[in-house]
Amino acid sequence: MLTKRQKTNALKKAQRHDSDTGSPEAQVAILSKRIEELSSHLKKNHKDNHSRRGLLQMVADRRKHLKYLEKKNNKAYTALVKAVGLKK
């Protein structure tokens, strides 16, 4: 689970403005941080299938947000991918 500090640090990288929490960029940043934490949890607890299902849902949700952003604003998409560190 993300602490408030971790969530705000993840949001600072991708926010459009100071109080932005709902834009696709902000959602992808939060989801990426949650996915990182949950994947490290699953490396230790490989039999935790309930968390694995949640991880797959988060990955699918992040993929949908990225696909939407790429279609609507390609410049913002490439900037977000670099800021969050998703692809090379």
C-alpha atoms as a PDB file:
ATOM      1  CA  MET A   1       0.000   0.000   0.000  1.00  0.00           C
ATOM      2  CA  LEU A   2       1.294   3.439  -0.906  1.00  0.00           C
ATOM      3  CA  THR A   3       1.920   5.980   1.789  1.00  0.00           C
ATOM      4  CA  LYS A   4       0.729   9.520   1.278  1.00  0.00           C
ATOM      5  CA  ARG A   5       4.295  10.717   0.671  1.00  0.00           C
ATOM      6  CA  GLN A   6       4.967   8.059  -1.969  1.00  0.00           C
ATOM      7  CA  LYS A   7       1.738   8.929  -3.753  1.00  0.00           C
ATOM      8  CA  THR A   8       2.507  12.660  -3.819  1.00  0.00           C
ATOM      9  CA  ASN A   9       6.040  11.996  -5.080  1.00  0.00           C
ATOM     10  CA  ALA A  10       4.656   9.849  -7.887  1.00  0.00           C
ATOM     11  CA  LEU A  11       2.079  12.503  -8.754  1.00  0.00           C
ATOM     12  CA  LYS A  12       4.627  15.324  -8.886  1.00  0.00           C
ATOM     13  CA  LYS A  13       6.256  13.704 -11.915  1.00  0.00           C
ATOM     14  CA  ALA A  14       3.095  13.615 -14.000  1.00  0.00           C
ATOM     15  CA  GLN A  15       0.597  16.226 -12.812  1.00  0.00           C
ATOM     16  CA  ARG A  16      -0.835  18.790 -15.195  1.00  0.00           C
ATOM     17  CA  HIS A  17      -1.362  21.265 -12.338  1.00  0.00           C
ATOM     18  CA  ASP A  18      -0.969  21.301  -8.557  1.00  0.00           C
ATOM     19  CA  SER A  19      -4.279  19.695  -7.606  1.00  0.00           C
ATOM     20  CA  ASP A  20      -4.424  17.245 -10.517  1.00  0.00           C
ATOM     21  CA  THR A  21      -5.256  13.689  -9.490  1.00  0.00           C
ATOM     22  CA  GLY A  22      -7.655  12.531 -12.196  1.00  0.00           C
ATOM     23  CA  SER A  23      -5.856  13.089 -15.473  1.00  0.00           C
ATOM     24  CA  PRO A  24      -4.584  10.026 -17.339  1.00  0.00           C
ATOM     25  CA  GLU A  25      -1.011  11.110 -16.623  1.00  0.00           C
ATOM     26  CA  ALA A  26      -1.626  11.239 -12.868  1.00  0.00           C
ATOM     27  CA  GLN A  27      -3.490   7.932 -12.877  1.00  0.00           C
ATOM     28  CA  VAL A  28      -0.688   6.193 -14.764  1.00  0.00           C
ATOM     29  CA  ALA A  29       1.902   7.531 -12.318  1.00  0.00           C
ATOM     30  CA  ILE A  30      -0.063   6.278  -9.303  1.00  0.00           C
ATOM     31  CA  LEU A  31      -0.804   2.916 -10.901  1.00  0.00           C
ATOM     32  CA  SER A  32       2.847   2.452 -11.856  1.00  0.00           C
ATOM     33  CA  LYS A  33       3.961   3.010  -8.279  1.00  0.00           C
ATOM     34  CA  ARG A  34       1.299   0.618  -6.951  1.00  0.00           C
ATOM     35  CA  ILE A  35       2.274  -2.004  -9.545  1.00  0.00           C
ATOM     36  CA  GLU A  36       5.936  -1.778  -8.511  1.00  0.00           C
ATOM     37  CA  GLU A  37       5.074  -2.323  -4.857  1.00  0.00           C
ATOM     38  CA  LEU A  38       2.667  -5.168  -5.510  1.00  0.00           C
ATOM     39  CA  SER A  39       5.061  -6.963  -7.838  1.00  0.00           C
ATOM     40  CA  SER A  40       7.775  -6.858  -5.169  1.00  0.00           C
ATOM     41  CA  HIS A  41       5.234  -8.265  -2.691  1.00  0.00           C
ATOM     42  CA  LEU A  42       4.416 -11.095  -5.081  1.00  0.00           C
ATOM     43  CA  LYS A  43       8.080 -11.989  -5.491  1.00  0.00           C
ATOM     44  CA  LYS A  44       8.146 -12.788  -1.768  1.00  0.00           C
ATOM     45  CA  ASN A  45       4.635 -14.279  -1.587  1.00  0.00           C
ATOM     46  CA  HIS A  46       4.246 -16.220  -4.787  1.00  0.00           C
ATOM     47  CA  LYS A  47       1.089 -18.049  -3.630  1.00  0.00           C
ATOM     48  CA  ASP A  48      -0.903 -14.861  -3.034  1.00  0.00           C
ATOM     49  CA  ASN A  49      -3.334 -15.288  -5.912  1.00  0.00           C
ATOM     50  CA  HIS A  50      -5.781 -12.627  -4.724  1.00  0.00           C
ATOM     51  CA  SER A  51      -3.103  -9.956  -4.933  1.00  0.00           C
ATOM     52  CA  ARG A  52      -1.963 -11.332  -8.275  1.00  0.00           C
ATOM     53  CA  ARG A  53      -5.465 -10.778  -9.643  1.00  0.00           C
ATOM     54  CA  GLY A  54      -5.420  -7.209  -8.376  1.00  0.00           C
ATOM     55  CA  LEU A  55      -2.037  -6.675 -10.009  1.00  0.00           C
ATOM     56  CA  LEU A  56      -3.352  -7.879 -13.358  1.00  0.00           C
ATOM     57  CA  GLN A  57      -6.315  -5.521 -13.065  1.00  0.00           C
ATOM     58  CA  MET A  58      -4.017  -2.585 -12.316  1.00  0.00           C
ATOM     59  CA  VAL A  59      -1.787  -3.434 -15.287  1.00  0.00           C
ATOM     60  CA  ALA A  60      -4.827  -3.590 -17.571  1.00  0.00           C
ATOM     61  CA  ASP A  61      -6.122  -0.275 -16.219  1.00  0.00           C
ATOM     62  CA  ARG A  62      -2.739   1.393 -16.739  1.00  0.00           C
ATOM     63  CA  ARG A  63      -2.603   0.021 -20.277  1.00  0.00           C
ATOM     64  CA  LYS A  64      -6.047   1.504 -21.018  1.00  0.00           C
ATOM     65  CA  HIS A  65      -4.990   4.916 -19.685  1.00  0.00           C
ATOM     66  CA  LEU A  66      -1.796   4.830 -21.753  1.00  0.00           C
ATOM     67  CA  LYS A  67      -3.658   3.808 -24.898  1.00  0.00           C
ATOM     68  CA  TYR A  68      -6.142   6.651 -24.407  1.00  0.00           C
ATOM     69  CA  LEU A  69      -3.373   9.174 -23.800  1.00  0.00           C
ATOM     70  CA  GLU A  70      -1.393   8.008 -26.826  1.00  0.00           C
ATOM     71  CA  LYS A  71      -4.464   8.442 -29.011  1.00  0.00           C
ATOM     72  CA  LYS A  72      -5.431  11.883 -27.633  1.00  0.00           C
ATOM     73  CA  ASN A  73      -2.061  13.540 -26.982  1.00  0.00           C
ATOM     74  CA  ASN A  74       1.029  11.769 -28.281  1.00  0.00           C
ATOM     75  CA  LYS A  75       3.473  14.375 -26.916  1.00  0.00           C
ATOM     76  CA  ALA A  76       2.094  13.984 -23.402  1.00  0.00           C
ATOM     77  CA  TYR A  77       2.278  10.215 -23.816  1.00  0.00           C
ATOM     78  CA  THR A  78       5.975  10.198 -24.702  1.00  0.00           C
ATOM     79  CA  ALA A  79       6.771  12.656 -21.900  1.00  0.00           C
ATOM     80  CA  LEU A  80       4.889  10.496 -19.395  1.00  0.00           C
ATOM     81  CA  VAL A  81       6.600   7.309 -20.496  1.00  0.00           C
ATOM     82  CA  LYS A  82       9.984   8.966 -19.957  1.00  0.00           C
ATOM     83  CA  ALA A  83       8.977  10.526 -16.618  1.00  0.00           C
ATOM     84  CA  VAL A  84       7.582   7.315 -15.155  1.00  0.00           C
ATOM     85  CA  GLY A  85      10.204   5.110 -16.788  1.00  0.00           C
ATOM     86  CA  LEU A  86       7.958   2.561 -18.452  1.00  0.00           C
ATOM     87  CA  LYS A  87       9.831   1.956 -21.720  1.00  0.00           C
ATOM     88  CA  LYS A  88      13.314   2.569 -22.997  1.00  0.00           C
END
